Protein backbone atom coordinates (compact mmCIF):
# COMPACT_ATOMS: atom_id res chain seq x y z
CA MET A 1 -3.55 10.79 -43.96
CA SER A 2 -4.75 11.45 -47.55
CA TRP A 3 -2.87 10.08 -50.53
CA THR A 4 -1.31 13.51 -51.13
CA GLN A 5 -0.02 13.65 -47.60
CA ARG A 6 1.44 10.17 -47.87
CA ALA A 7 2.94 10.99 -51.22
CA ASN A 8 4.52 14.16 -49.74
CA ALA A 9 5.87 12.37 -46.84
CA ALA A 10 7.33 9.58 -49.00
CA ILE A 11 9.01 12.06 -51.41
CA ALA A 12 10.32 14.19 -48.49
CA ASP A 13 11.99 11.06 -47.09
CA SER A 14 13.60 10.22 -50.51
CA PRO A 15 16.82 11.56 -51.91
CA VAL A 16 14.79 14.17 -53.82
CA GLY A 17 13.32 15.51 -50.59
CA ARG A 18 16.73 15.72 -48.86
CA TYR A 19 18.34 17.38 -51.89
CA PHE A 20 15.61 20.11 -52.02
CA HIS A 21 15.31 20.35 -48.17
CA LEU A 22 11.61 19.47 -48.08
CA GLU A 23 9.91 19.40 -44.66
CA GLY A 24 10.33 15.93 -43.18
CA SER A 25 13.48 15.22 -45.12
CA GLY A 26 15.69 15.30 -42.01
CA HIS A 27 18.01 17.82 -43.58
CA ARG A 28 19.50 20.33 -41.21
CA LEU A 29 18.31 23.25 -43.53
CA GLU A 30 14.91 21.68 -44.30
CA ARG A 31 12.29 24.37 -45.14
CA LYS A 32 9.25 24.16 -43.03
CA ASN A 33 5.85 23.86 -44.81
CA SER A 34 7.56 22.83 -48.11
CA TYR A 35 5.77 19.86 -49.75
CA PHE A 36 6.17 18.24 -53.06
CA PHE A 37 2.66 18.82 -54.38
CA THR A 38 2.69 22.45 -53.13
CA GLU A 39 5.96 22.97 -55.04
CA ILE A 40 4.30 21.69 -58.29
CA ARG A 41 1.40 24.12 -57.90
CA ALA A 42 3.75 26.95 -57.08
CA GLY A 43 5.83 26.22 -60.23
CA LEU A 44 2.75 26.23 -62.37
CA ALA A 45 1.68 29.63 -60.84
CA THR A 46 5.13 31.09 -61.52
CA PHE A 47 5.03 29.94 -65.18
CA PHE A 48 1.63 31.47 -65.84
CA ALA A 49 2.72 34.66 -64.30
CA MET A 50 5.89 34.73 -66.47
CA ALA A 51 4.74 33.27 -69.69
CA TYR A 52 3.94 36.63 -71.10
CA ILE A 53 7.72 37.29 -71.38
CA ILE A 54 7.81 34.88 -74.42
CA ALA A 55 5.52 37.04 -76.48
CA VAL A 56 6.61 40.38 -75.09
CA ASN A 57 10.46 39.82 -75.31
CA SER A 58 10.14 38.49 -78.84
CA THR A 59 8.05 41.50 -79.87
CA VAL A 60 10.43 44.10 -78.33
CA VAL A 61 13.71 42.59 -79.44
CA SER A 62 12.53 41.80 -82.96
CA GLN A 63 12.16 45.60 -83.39
CA THR A 64 15.94 45.77 -83.77
CA GLY A 65 15.56 43.82 -86.99
CA GLY A 66 18.05 41.31 -85.77
CA THR A 67 20.43 40.25 -88.51
CA CYS A 68 18.15 41.64 -91.18
CA VAL A 69 19.84 44.45 -93.17
CA CYS A 70 17.79 47.73 -93.79
CA PRO A 71 19.39 50.02 -96.44
CA PRO A 72 20.65 53.24 -94.74
CA ASP A 73 18.90 55.42 -97.24
CA SER A 74 15.39 53.94 -96.40
CA PRO A 75 13.06 56.92 -95.63
CA ASP A 76 10.90 54.93 -93.08
CA LEU A 77 13.45 52.58 -91.67
CA CYS A 78 12.15 49.77 -93.94
CA ASP A 79 8.60 49.76 -92.59
CA SER A 80 7.26 49.58 -96.14
CA ASN A 81 9.96 47.16 -97.37
CA THR A 82 8.09 43.89 -97.69
CA GLU A 83 11.21 41.70 -97.96
CA TYR A 84 12.81 43.32 -94.84
CA MET A 85 9.58 42.93 -92.84
CA LEU A 86 9.34 39.20 -93.69
CA CYS A 87 12.88 38.90 -92.41
CA VAL A 88 11.85 40.64 -89.24
CA GLN A 89 9.03 38.09 -88.90
CA GLU A 90 11.52 35.23 -89.09
CA VAL A 91 13.63 36.95 -86.39
CA ARG A 92 10.65 37.24 -84.10
CA ARG A 93 9.85 33.55 -84.50
CA ASP A 94 13.48 32.76 -83.76
CA LEU A 95 13.20 35.00 -80.54
CA VAL A 96 10.10 33.09 -79.46
CA THR A 97 12.10 29.85 -79.44
CA ALA A 98 15.19 31.52 -77.99
CA THR A 99 13.24 33.24 -75.15
CA ALA A 100 11.42 30.03 -74.15
CA ALA A 101 14.66 28.01 -74.38
CA ILE A 102 16.86 30.29 -72.27
CA SER A 103 14.04 30.76 -69.70
CA ALA A 104 13.72 26.99 -69.48
CA LEU A 105 17.40 26.42 -69.11
CA THR A 106 18.13 29.12 -66.59
CA THR A 107 15.06 28.59 -64.52
CA PHE A 108 15.54 24.84 -64.34
CA PHE A 109 19.02 25.17 -63.13
CA MET A 110 18.25 27.88 -60.70
CA GLY A 111 16.09 25.42 -59.02
CA LEU A 112 18.34 22.40 -59.43
CA LEU A 113 21.61 23.95 -58.37
CA ALA A 114 20.79 26.91 -56.11
CA ASN A 115 17.46 25.43 -54.65
CA MET A 116 15.70 28.78 -54.99
CA PRO A 117 12.05 29.13 -56.16
CA LEU A 118 12.89 31.77 -58.78
CA GLY A 119 12.13 32.01 -62.46
CA LEU A 120 14.62 33.61 -64.88
CA ALA A 121 14.09 35.06 -68.29
CA PRO A 122 15.34 37.96 -70.41
CA GLY A 123 14.60 41.10 -68.42
CA MET A 124 11.95 43.63 -68.98
CA GLY A 125 13.64 47.03 -69.21
CA LEU A 126 16.88 45.41 -70.24
CA ASN A 127 15.36 44.23 -73.47
CA ALA A 128 13.89 47.71 -74.04
CA TYR A 129 17.33 49.33 -73.51
CA PHE A 130 18.91 46.69 -75.79
CA THR A 131 16.41 47.33 -78.54
CA TYR A 132 15.70 51.16 -78.46
CA ASN A 133 18.95 52.65 -77.09
CA VAL A 134 21.70 50.32 -78.17
CA VAL A 135 20.71 48.73 -81.55
CA GLY A 136 17.85 51.06 -82.39
CA TYR A 137 14.59 50.52 -84.14
CA HIS A 138 15.46 48.34 -87.28
CA GLY A 139 19.12 48.80 -86.58
CA SER A 140 19.13 52.64 -86.52
CA GLY A 141 21.30 52.82 -83.37
CA SER A 142 24.96 53.21 -82.88
CA VAL A 143 25.72 49.49 -82.24
CA SER A 144 24.77 46.62 -84.49
CA TYR A 145 22.61 43.72 -83.20
CA GLU A 146 25.54 41.33 -83.36
CA ALA A 147 27.94 43.69 -81.42
CA ALA A 148 25.27 44.34 -78.77
CA LEU A 149 24.98 40.55 -78.21
CA THR A 150 28.81 40.53 -77.84
CA ALA A 151 28.50 43.06 -74.98
CA VAL A 152 25.90 40.85 -73.37
CA PHE A 153 28.19 37.80 -73.81
CA VAL A 154 31.13 39.57 -72.18
CA GLU A 155 28.94 41.04 -69.41
CA GLY A 156 27.82 37.50 -68.41
CA PHE A 157 31.42 36.41 -67.80
CA VAL A 158 32.28 39.49 -65.94
CA PHE A 159 29.35 38.68 -63.77
CA VAL A 160 30.91 35.22 -63.17
CA GLY A 161 34.16 36.84 -62.02
CA LEU A 162 32.37 39.40 -59.83
CA THR A 163 30.29 36.63 -58.25
CA VAL A 164 33.24 34.45 -57.55
CA LEU A 165 35.02 37.31 -55.84
CA GLY A 166 31.95 38.35 -53.98
CA MET A 167 32.07 41.84 -55.55
CA ARG A 168 28.63 41.54 -57.21
CA GLN A 169 26.91 41.14 -53.92
CA TRP A 170 29.01 43.89 -52.33
CA LEU A 171 28.33 46.35 -55.20
CA ALA A 172 24.61 45.93 -55.00
CA ARG A 173 24.62 46.34 -51.17
CA ALA A 174 27.05 49.43 -51.27
CA LEU A 175 25.05 51.56 -53.77
CA PRO A 176 23.00 54.40 -52.28
CA ALA A 177 19.51 53.16 -51.41
CA SER A 178 17.86 56.12 -53.22
CA ILE A 179 19.60 55.31 -56.46
CA LYS A 180 18.65 51.59 -56.20
CA LEU A 181 15.03 52.33 -55.61
CA ALA A 182 14.89 55.03 -58.31
CA THR A 183 16.43 52.75 -60.89
CA GLY A 184 13.47 50.39 -60.80
CA VAL A 185 10.91 53.27 -60.82
CA GLY A 186 12.65 54.89 -63.84
CA ILE A 187 12.66 51.63 -65.76
CA GLY A 188 8.93 51.31 -64.90
CA LEU A 189 8.22 54.69 -66.52
CA TYR A 190 10.45 53.72 -69.47
CA LEU A 191 8.43 50.50 -70.01
CA THR A 192 5.24 52.52 -69.82
CA LEU A 193 6.26 54.79 -72.51
CA ILE A 194 7.17 51.91 -74.78
CA GLY A 195 3.80 50.32 -74.00
CA LEU A 196 2.12 53.50 -75.28
CA THR A 197 4.01 53.57 -78.57
CA TYR A 198 3.42 51.92 -81.89
CA SER A 199 6.54 49.81 -82.04
CA ALA A 200 5.79 47.48 -79.25
CA GLY A 201 2.54 48.84 -77.65
CA ILE A 202 -0.97 50.09 -78.24
CA GLY A 203 0.00 53.16 -80.34
CA ALA A 204 -1.51 55.88 -78.03
CA VAL A 205 1.40 58.34 -78.38
CA THR A 206 3.93 59.18 -81.05
CA GLY A 207 6.71 61.69 -81.63
CA ALA A 208 5.92 65.11 -83.02
CA SER A 209 7.69 68.11 -84.43
CA SER A 210 6.33 70.93 -82.30
CA THR A 211 6.17 68.95 -79.18
CA PRO A 212 8.31 65.90 -77.98
CA LEU A 213 5.25 63.68 -77.78
CA ASP A 214 1.67 63.89 -79.32
CA LEU A 215 -1.55 61.97 -78.81
CA ALA A 216 -1.87 59.21 -81.47
CA GLY A 217 -4.25 56.32 -81.68
CA CYS A 218 -4.71 56.15 -85.47
CA ALA A 219 -3.88 53.54 -87.91
CA GLN A 220 -0.23 53.77 -88.90
CA GLU A 221 -1.15 54.03 -92.68
CA LEU A 222 -3.03 57.32 -91.77
CA MET A 223 -0.03 59.12 -90.23
CA THR A 224 1.47 62.06 -91.97
CA ASP A 225 5.07 62.21 -93.31
CA GLU A 226 6.13 63.69 -89.97
CA GLY A 227 4.75 60.55 -88.21
CA VAL A 228 1.78 62.47 -86.60
CA CYS A 229 -1.89 61.38 -86.59
CA PRO A 230 -4.24 63.83 -88.32
CA ALA A 231 -6.49 65.51 -85.63
CA SER A 232 -9.70 63.88 -87.05
CA GLU A 233 -8.16 60.36 -86.70
CA LYS A 234 -6.71 60.50 -83.27
CA MET A 235 -7.80 57.73 -80.74
CA ARG A 236 -9.93 56.12 -83.55
CA ASN A 237 -7.76 52.98 -84.08
CA PRO A 238 -9.96 49.94 -82.99
CA SER A 239 -6.85 47.78 -82.27
CA MET A 240 -5.79 50.35 -79.67
CA TRP A 241 -9.11 50.22 -77.84
CA ILE A 242 -9.15 46.42 -77.96
CA GLY A 243 -5.74 46.51 -76.25
CA ILE A 244 -6.87 49.08 -73.69
CA PHE A 245 -10.07 47.35 -72.50
CA CYS A 246 -9.28 43.76 -73.11
CA GLY A 247 -5.57 43.76 -72.49
CA GLY A 248 -5.48 46.50 -69.88
CA VAL A 249 -8.68 47.01 -67.99
CA PHE A 250 -9.64 43.39 -68.00
CA THR A 251 -6.18 42.37 -66.80
CA VAL A 252 -6.13 44.84 -63.90
CA PHE A 253 -9.54 43.59 -62.80
CA LEU A 254 -8.22 40.07 -62.66
CA MET A 255 -5.15 41.15 -60.75
CA MET A 256 -7.28 42.94 -58.13
CA TYR A 257 -8.94 39.66 -57.44
CA ARG A 258 -5.58 37.90 -57.39
CA VAL A 259 -6.34 35.68 -60.31
CA LYS A 260 -3.32 33.65 -61.19
CA GLY A 261 -2.14 34.21 -64.75
CA ALA A 262 -4.07 37.43 -65.10
CA ILE A 263 -1.54 38.97 -67.51
CA ILE A 264 -1.56 35.89 -69.67
CA ALA A 265 -5.38 35.94 -69.73
CA GLY A 266 -5.39 39.49 -70.96
CA ILE A 267 -2.87 38.94 -73.68
CA LEU A 268 -4.73 35.79 -74.87
CA LEU A 269 -8.05 37.51 -75.08
CA VAL A 270 -6.72 40.36 -77.15
CA SER A 271 -4.83 37.91 -79.43
CA ILE A 272 -7.86 35.70 -79.96
CA ILE A 273 -9.90 38.71 -80.93
CA SER A 274 -7.09 39.78 -83.30
CA TRP A 275 -6.58 36.39 -85.03
CA PRO A 276 -9.70 36.32 -87.37
CA ARG A 277 -8.76 37.75 -90.76
CA ASP A 278 -11.97 39.58 -91.71
CA THR A 279 -12.04 42.12 -88.87
CA PRO A 280 -10.73 45.74 -88.55
CA VAL A 281 -8.36 44.59 -85.71
CA THR A 282 -6.81 41.48 -87.45
CA TYR A 283 -3.17 40.80 -87.10
CA PHE A 284 -3.09 38.89 -90.35
CA PRO A 285 -4.08 41.40 -93.08
CA TYR A 286 -4.48 40.23 -96.70
CA ASN A 287 -0.93 41.16 -97.82
CA GLU A 288 2.36 39.34 -98.16
CA THR A 289 3.54 39.81 -94.55
CA GLY A 290 0.03 38.99 -93.22
CA ASN A 291 -0.16 35.81 -95.39
CA SER A 292 3.23 34.70 -94.16
CA SER A 293 2.36 35.20 -90.54
CA PHE A 294 -0.98 33.41 -90.96
CA ASP A 295 0.63 30.38 -92.66
CA PHE A 296 2.97 30.05 -89.74
CA PHE A 297 0.13 30.51 -87.21
CA LYS A 298 -1.82 27.64 -88.78
CA LYS A 299 0.94 25.20 -87.78
CA VAL A 300 -0.04 25.74 -84.04
CA VAL A 301 2.27 23.03 -82.67
CA THR A 302 5.69 22.87 -84.23
CA PHE A 303 9.43 23.35 -83.36
CA HIS A 304 10.87 26.43 -85.01
CA PRO A 305 14.60 26.21 -85.11
CA ILE A 306 16.65 29.33 -84.47
CA GLN A 307 17.95 30.41 -87.85
CA HIS A 308 18.78 34.25 -87.70
CA THR A 309 19.91 34.86 -84.10
CA LEU A 310 21.92 31.89 -83.10
CA ASN A 311 25.62 32.63 -82.24
CA VAL A 312 25.93 35.79 -84.30
CA GLN A 313 28.23 37.82 -82.04
CA ASP A 314 30.38 40.33 -83.84
CA TRP A 315 33.78 41.04 -82.17
CA ASN A 316 34.80 43.85 -84.50
CA ILE A 317 33.72 46.86 -82.54
CA SER A 318 36.44 49.32 -83.77
CA GLY A 319 33.90 51.65 -85.31
CA SER A 320 31.67 51.91 -82.22
CA SER A 321 33.93 51.20 -79.22
CA GLY A 322 32.58 54.09 -77.27
CA GLN A 323 28.92 53.17 -77.65
CA PHE A 324 29.79 49.49 -77.16
CA GLY A 325 31.53 50.42 -73.93
CA LEU A 326 28.57 52.41 -72.63
CA ALA A 327 26.16 49.70 -73.50
CA PHE A 328 28.40 47.05 -71.76
CA ILE A 329 28.68 49.20 -68.56
CA THR A 330 25.00 49.88 -68.54
CA PHE A 331 24.04 46.20 -68.99
CA LEU A 332 26.44 45.41 -66.25
CA TYR A 333 25.13 48.12 -63.80
CA VAL A 334 21.46 47.64 -64.50
CA ASP A 335 21.61 43.83 -64.34
CA ILE A 336 23.42 44.06 -61.00
CA LEU A 337 20.65 46.21 -59.59
CA ASP A 338 17.85 44.26 -61.29
CA THR A 339 18.91 40.72 -60.54
CA THR A 340 20.20 41.41 -57.05
CA GLY A 341 17.27 43.39 -56.00
CA THR A 342 14.83 40.71 -57.30
CA LEU A 343 16.86 37.89 -55.80
CA TYR A 344 17.01 39.38 -52.39
CA SER A 345 13.35 40.60 -52.33
CA MET A 346 12.14 37.18 -53.42
CA ALA A 347 14.35 35.33 -50.91
CA ARG A 348 13.13 37.64 -48.17
CA PHE A 349 9.45 37.03 -49.33
CA ALA A 350 10.11 33.24 -49.04
CA GLY A 351 11.64 33.68 -45.60
CA LEU A 352 15.10 32.60 -46.69
CA ILE A 353 17.06 35.75 -45.78
CA GLN A 354 19.82 35.67 -43.08
CA GLU A 355 19.10 38.87 -41.31
CA LYS A 356 22.53 39.11 -39.76
CA THR A 357 24.36 39.40 -43.00
CA GLY A 358 21.54 40.20 -45.45
CA ASP A 359 22.42 37.19 -47.54
CA PHE A 360 20.53 34.03 -48.31
CA GLU A 361 21.32 30.25 -48.64
CA GLY A 362 22.90 29.47 -52.13
CA SER A 363 23.29 33.15 -53.10
CA ALA A 364 26.57 32.50 -54.82
CA VAL A 365 25.32 29.60 -56.85
CA ALA A 366 22.21 31.72 -57.71
CA TYR A 367 24.38 34.44 -59.06
CA LEU A 368 26.41 32.04 -61.08
CA VAL A 369 23.38 30.52 -62.72
CA ASP A 370 22.23 33.97 -63.58
CA ALA A 371 25.63 35.08 -64.88
CA PHE A 372 26.22 32.01 -67.16
CA GLY A 373 22.56 32.46 -68.26
CA VAL A 374 23.43 35.93 -69.47
CA SER A 375 26.17 34.63 -71.72
CA ILE A 376 24.34 31.64 -73.01
CA GLY A 377 21.27 33.75 -73.78
CA SER A 378 23.34 36.01 -75.85
CA LEU A 379 24.32 33.03 -77.96
CA PHE A 380 20.61 32.40 -78.52
CA GLY A 381 20.14 36.08 -79.59
CA THR A 382 18.46 37.46 -76.40
CA PRO A 383 19.24 40.41 -74.06
CA PRO A 384 20.51 39.77 -70.52
CA VAL A 385 18.64 37.21 -68.43
CA THR A 386 17.50 38.25 -65.03
CA ALA A 387 15.41 36.90 -62.11
CA PHE A 388 11.67 37.81 -62.29
CA ILE A 389 9.57 39.52 -59.64
CA GLU A 390 6.72 37.40 -60.91
CA SER A 391 8.43 34.55 -58.98
CA GLY A 392 6.33 35.96 -56.04
CA ALA A 393 3.26 34.31 -57.62
CA GLY A 394 4.68 30.90 -56.96
CA ILE A 395 6.11 31.82 -53.54
CA SER A 396 2.57 33.01 -52.49
CA GLU A 397 1.33 29.65 -53.41
CA GLY A 398 3.76 28.10 -50.98
CA GLY A 399 6.87 27.57 -53.10
CA LYS A 400 9.94 27.51 -50.94
CA THR A 401 12.46 25.30 -52.67
CA GLY A 402 14.10 24.71 -56.02
CA LEU A 403 11.40 22.33 -57.00
CA THR A 404 9.17 25.24 -57.80
CA ALA A 405 11.77 26.55 -60.29
CA VAL A 406 12.30 23.09 -61.80
CA ILE A 407 8.59 22.83 -62.65
CA THR A 408 8.59 26.34 -64.11
CA GLY A 409 11.52 25.49 -66.24
CA ILE A 410 9.95 22.31 -67.59
CA CYS A 411 6.75 24.41 -68.50
CA PHE A 412 8.91 26.84 -70.43
CA PHE A 413 10.56 23.79 -72.27
CA ILE A 414 7.13 22.54 -73.33
CA SER A 415 6.23 26.09 -74.62
CA ILE A 416 9.10 25.91 -77.14
CA PHE A 417 6.89 23.70 -79.24
CA PHE A 418 4.00 26.29 -79.39
CA ALA A 419 6.10 28.94 -81.16
CA PRO A 420 3.41 29.53 -83.85
CA ILE A 421 1.00 30.75 -81.00
CA PHE A 422 3.50 33.00 -79.24
CA ALA A 423 4.70 34.48 -82.55
CA SER A 424 1.26 35.48 -83.44
CA ILE A 425 0.54 37.84 -80.43
CA PRO A 426 0.12 41.33 -81.72
CA PRO A 427 1.92 44.28 -80.06
CA TRP A 428 -1.32 45.86 -78.94
CA ALA A 429 -1.88 42.70 -76.89
CA THR A 430 1.30 43.16 -74.94
CA GLY A 431 1.37 47.05 -74.83
CA CYS A 432 -0.81 47.24 -71.78
CA THR A 433 1.20 44.44 -70.14
CA LEU A 434 4.20 46.85 -70.40
CA ILE A 435 2.19 49.61 -68.86
CA ILE A 436 0.93 47.37 -65.96
CA VAL A 437 4.42 46.09 -65.27
CA GLY A 438 5.73 49.65 -65.26
CA SER A 439 3.04 50.68 -62.76
CA LEU A 440 4.07 47.86 -60.53
CA MET A 441 7.68 48.83 -60.66
CA THR A 442 6.95 52.54 -59.65
CA LYS A 443 5.69 51.60 -56.26
CA ALA A 444 9.24 51.61 -55.10
CA ALA A 445 9.07 55.48 -55.30
CA ALA A 446 7.23 55.39 -51.94
CA ASP A 447 10.38 54.04 -50.27
CA ILE A 448 12.73 56.74 -51.51
CA ASN A 449 13.98 59.19 -48.98
CA TRP A 450 12.27 62.30 -50.18
CA ARG A 451 12.88 64.18 -46.85
CA TYR A 452 16.56 64.98 -47.60
CA ILE A 453 17.14 66.85 -50.85
CA GLY A 454 20.70 65.23 -51.24
CA ASP A 455 18.93 61.87 -51.73
CA ALA A 456 15.74 63.07 -53.42
CA VAL A 457 17.22 65.10 -56.31
CA PRO A 458 19.53 62.26 -57.58
CA ALA A 459 16.68 59.82 -57.20
CA PHE A 460 14.34 62.12 -59.12
CA LEU A 461 16.92 62.66 -61.87
CA THR A 462 17.29 58.99 -62.21
CA ILE A 463 13.56 58.45 -62.54
CA ALA A 464 12.93 61.39 -64.88
CA ILE A 465 15.86 61.13 -67.24
CA MET A 466 15.16 57.52 -68.17
CA PRO A 467 11.79 58.03 -69.97
CA PHE A 468 12.39 61.66 -71.03
CA THR A 469 15.69 60.73 -72.93
CA TYR A 470 14.43 57.28 -73.89
CA SER A 471 17.59 55.88 -72.21
CA ILE A 472 18.20 53.90 -69.03
CA ALA A 473 21.89 54.65 -69.32
CA TYR A 474 21.53 58.41 -69.23
CA GLY A 475 19.20 58.21 -66.22
CA LEU A 476 21.73 56.04 -64.23
CA ILE A 477 24.57 58.41 -65.21
CA ALA A 478 22.59 61.55 -64.11
CA GLY A 479 21.56 59.91 -60.80
CA VAL A 480 24.98 58.57 -59.75
CA ILE A 481 26.96 61.62 -60.74
CA SER A 482 24.48 64.08 -59.12
CA TYR A 483 24.56 62.03 -55.95
CA MET A 484 28.32 61.97 -55.94
CA LEU A 485 28.66 65.67 -56.59
CA LEU A 486 26.05 66.88 -54.04
CA ASN A 487 27.00 64.63 -51.15
CA THR A 488 30.79 64.79 -51.73
CA VAL A 489 30.77 68.59 -51.72
CA VAL A 490 28.62 68.67 -48.55
CA TRP A 491 31.10 66.21 -46.87
CA LEU A 492 34.11 68.20 -47.80
CA ILE A 493 32.64 71.49 -46.51
CA GLU A 494 31.57 69.71 -43.22
CA LYS A 495 35.04 68.37 -42.78
CA ALA A 496 36.80 71.64 -43.67
CA THR A 497 34.77 73.61 -41.15
CA GLY A 498 34.79 70.98 -38.37
CA GLY A 499 31.06 70.24 -38.77
CA LYS A 500 29.99 73.90 -38.32
CA ILE A 501 28.59 74.23 -41.79
CA ARG A 502 26.22 71.54 -42.71
CA PRO A 503 22.73 71.16 -44.26
CA VAL A 504 19.95 71.96 -41.93
CA ASP A 505 18.22 68.68 -42.64
CA LYS A 506 21.47 66.52 -42.88
CA ASP A 507 20.16 64.32 -40.11
CA LEU A 508 17.33 63.11 -42.45
CA SER A 509 19.83 61.78 -44.96
CA GLU A 510 20.31 58.05 -45.43
CA PRO A 511 23.65 56.96 -44.12
CA TRP A 512 26.07 55.53 -46.77
CA THR A 513 29.14 53.36 -46.35
CA TYR A 514 31.16 50.99 -48.35
CA LYS A 515 31.63 48.79 -45.30
CA VAL A 516 28.52 46.58 -45.71
CA PRO A 517 27.65 43.69 -43.36
CA GLY A 518 29.45 40.48 -44.30
CA GLY A 519 32.41 42.25 -45.96
CA VAL A 520 33.46 42.17 -49.55
CA LEU A 521 34.98 38.67 -49.95
CA PRO A 522 32.71 35.63 -50.19
CA PRO A 523 32.64 33.14 -47.35
CA TRP A 524 34.37 30.36 -49.43
CA LEU A 525 37.25 32.68 -50.15
CA LYS A 526 37.60 33.45 -46.44
CA ARG A 527 37.61 29.86 -45.60
CA ALA A 528 40.26 29.07 -48.22
CA ALA A 529 42.45 31.85 -46.82
CA LYS A 530 42.20 30.33 -43.42
CA GLY A 531 43.60 27.09 -44.82
CA LYS A 532 40.34 25.09 -44.71
CA LYS A 533 40.80 22.20 -47.15
CA ASP A 534 37.11 21.74 -47.84
CA PHE A 535 36.60 25.49 -48.25
CA TRP A 536 33.51 24.94 -50.44
CA ARG A 537 31.64 23.53 -47.38
CA PRO A 538 29.92 26.22 -45.22
CA GLU A 539 30.72 26.45 -41.55
CA GLU A 540 28.59 24.42 -39.27
CA ASP A 541 28.17 27.22 -36.74
CA GLY A 542 26.48 29.52 -39.25
CA GLY A 543 26.50 33.32 -39.16
CA GLU A 544 28.52 33.84 -42.42
CA SER A 545 27.30 35.61 -45.44
CA GLY A 546 26.17 33.51 -48.31
CA THR A 547 25.70 30.36 -46.37
CA GLY A 548 22.04 30.89 -45.43
CA VAL A 549 20.69 29.67 -42.14
CA GLU A 550 23.01 27.10 -40.56
CA SER A 551 22.37 27.05 -36.89
CA GLY A 552 19.75 27.78 -34.26
CA THR A 553 18.56 30.95 -32.67
CA GLU A 554 22.03 32.29 -32.20
CA SER A 555 22.30 33.11 -35.88
CA GLY A 556 20.12 36.14 -35.14
CA ILE A 557 17.31 35.31 -37.56
CA GLU A 558 13.78 36.06 -36.82
CA THR A 559 11.29 34.22 -38.91
CA PRO A 560 8.79 36.87 -40.22
CA PRO A 561 5.00 36.30 -39.58
CA THR A 562 2.69 34.74 -42.07
CA LEU A 563 1.12 36.51 -44.97
CA GLU A 564 -2.11 36.85 -43.03
CA GLY A 565 -0.38 38.56 -40.03
CA GLU A 566 -0.72 35.39 -37.76
CA VAL A 567 1.79 34.25 -35.30
CA PRO A 568 5.16 32.88 -36.59
CA MET A 569 5.11 29.37 -37.96
CA HIS A 570 7.74 28.13 -35.49
CA LYS A 571 7.70 27.97 -31.70
CA LEU A 572 9.98 29.97 -29.66
CA ASN A 573 11.80 27.08 -28.17
CA GLU A 574 12.50 25.35 -31.52
CA PRO A 575 15.64 25.84 -33.48
CA VAL A 576 15.17 28.59 -36.11
CA VAL A 577 16.82 26.25 -38.68
CA GLN A 578 13.67 24.18 -38.70
CA SER A 579 11.70 27.15 -39.91
CA ALA A 580 14.08 28.74 -42.46
CA GLY A 581 11.71 29.88 -45.30
CA SER A 582 8.71 28.88 -43.16
CA SER A 583 6.92 32.22 -43.58
CA ARG A 584 5.62 33.85 -46.68
CA GLY A 585 6.85 37.16 -45.48
CA GLY A 586 5.03 40.37 -45.21
CA GLY A 587 5.22 41.52 -48.97
CA LYS A 588 2.46 41.52 -51.41
CA THR A 589 2.52 39.54 -54.69
CA ILE A 590 2.00 40.86 -58.15
């Protein structure tokens, strides 16, 4: 045995190995092929796949202006107000620290308490909705930054209640499949549009007067009063082309060859090119805001305390109660779909899903960590926290236990002290990242049931309305209401005519029922209702939702084949419990 094998065996036989269910620990739920050093490598892979969120989230959310005050009569929303823009710079630096801190906290405890190899951070899509639809660019929306954080704070505790009662899992499983899939696709297109704009992207498109959108690509100071690029200056901004080729094309090439940390590599390349001051693409021009940014950048390693965004909730929502309620409901609904979909897809990818109930080991704890993370993150000044699909990078490296997330959380904690670097990443360095993430999210469109128009039209409306109205909320409303209207009327006509009048292709529709496998109530509540004193302990015979794999082959679980399509990792005559999570699943990583 090599020294790594000996170390893996020794750690597996220790309390640490038994706690995280490493192979060789002797735990009844040990996860086959899970080893200590493999988990460390997987944790590092997840961090490098996720680390872009520190720069992207701080860039996007700082567009709200945070707690900075822009005079209502400002003609350009304070873009030319030096004092205001200096304040926005401070907000962005605060958000760099806040994003790294909440990502470190939630990811670490996801691994420690839920034993899941998942990374958490402020969600892409949710942060865009928070910024551009709720608060608005430089506070131009209907809800203040402080009140929006209050909505996020309340949402987190509602999530806690829904998780404890099992409603969160049930709601996510009960929604029509077409709407669930379309939501991710619509958010992907929404992110793409943001990545193409000036505020948090490469500046390739802008609003126009004669058309909703117009080709841009010029320097912002050359734009007309209507915010349109002159015809002679379109697509001539050098920073845009640096972003396209070095942040977009280069990143995609790396991803095609499965290079870990490809997104980070693209962002860093564009940033390094943009840091010298005497170039046409510099992020530090010789003016007051540029000098302030460069002075902070020169510190390289420092701890930047949160000054403008810490615990700034505003509970006085009397003037915007309607918009506050809409924001709260949308945060709640989108986060249910986002987090639940990611948790389940990553659990399945790691081979941890219990096929009989569609649940996974530690699901309730995982949801609680996410829910408390949402509320705690709002205290830091960030939008809702959610599980990240980039966790698949670590799982593909062999991560199967919470040790992967613990290592990722530690890496995020270390990144807190490199705030000057993350705060100096220009928007054109992250714009193509948004476009790439959007393109990856739209692949779910292939799984939508396009064969039946009653499923297809609501899904299409969900997808189309989100980017075209610049609102996730409106897309969700359009999709859900159209689905209810179309399918309820069809059902009523069919019942009234005894089944004689029904759509020709009704048999191609996806069935929907509120009676999902595993029921509504969580297992612990069912055990408590039966009078079980230690109701928090799962049943030994397995087969219940939320408890994961607890017994042998009678649980109905089939371990999926390996990533390469080889035979299953376990033998047919061995208990399945020994191979829970043994396979990497059949999915593809990002």
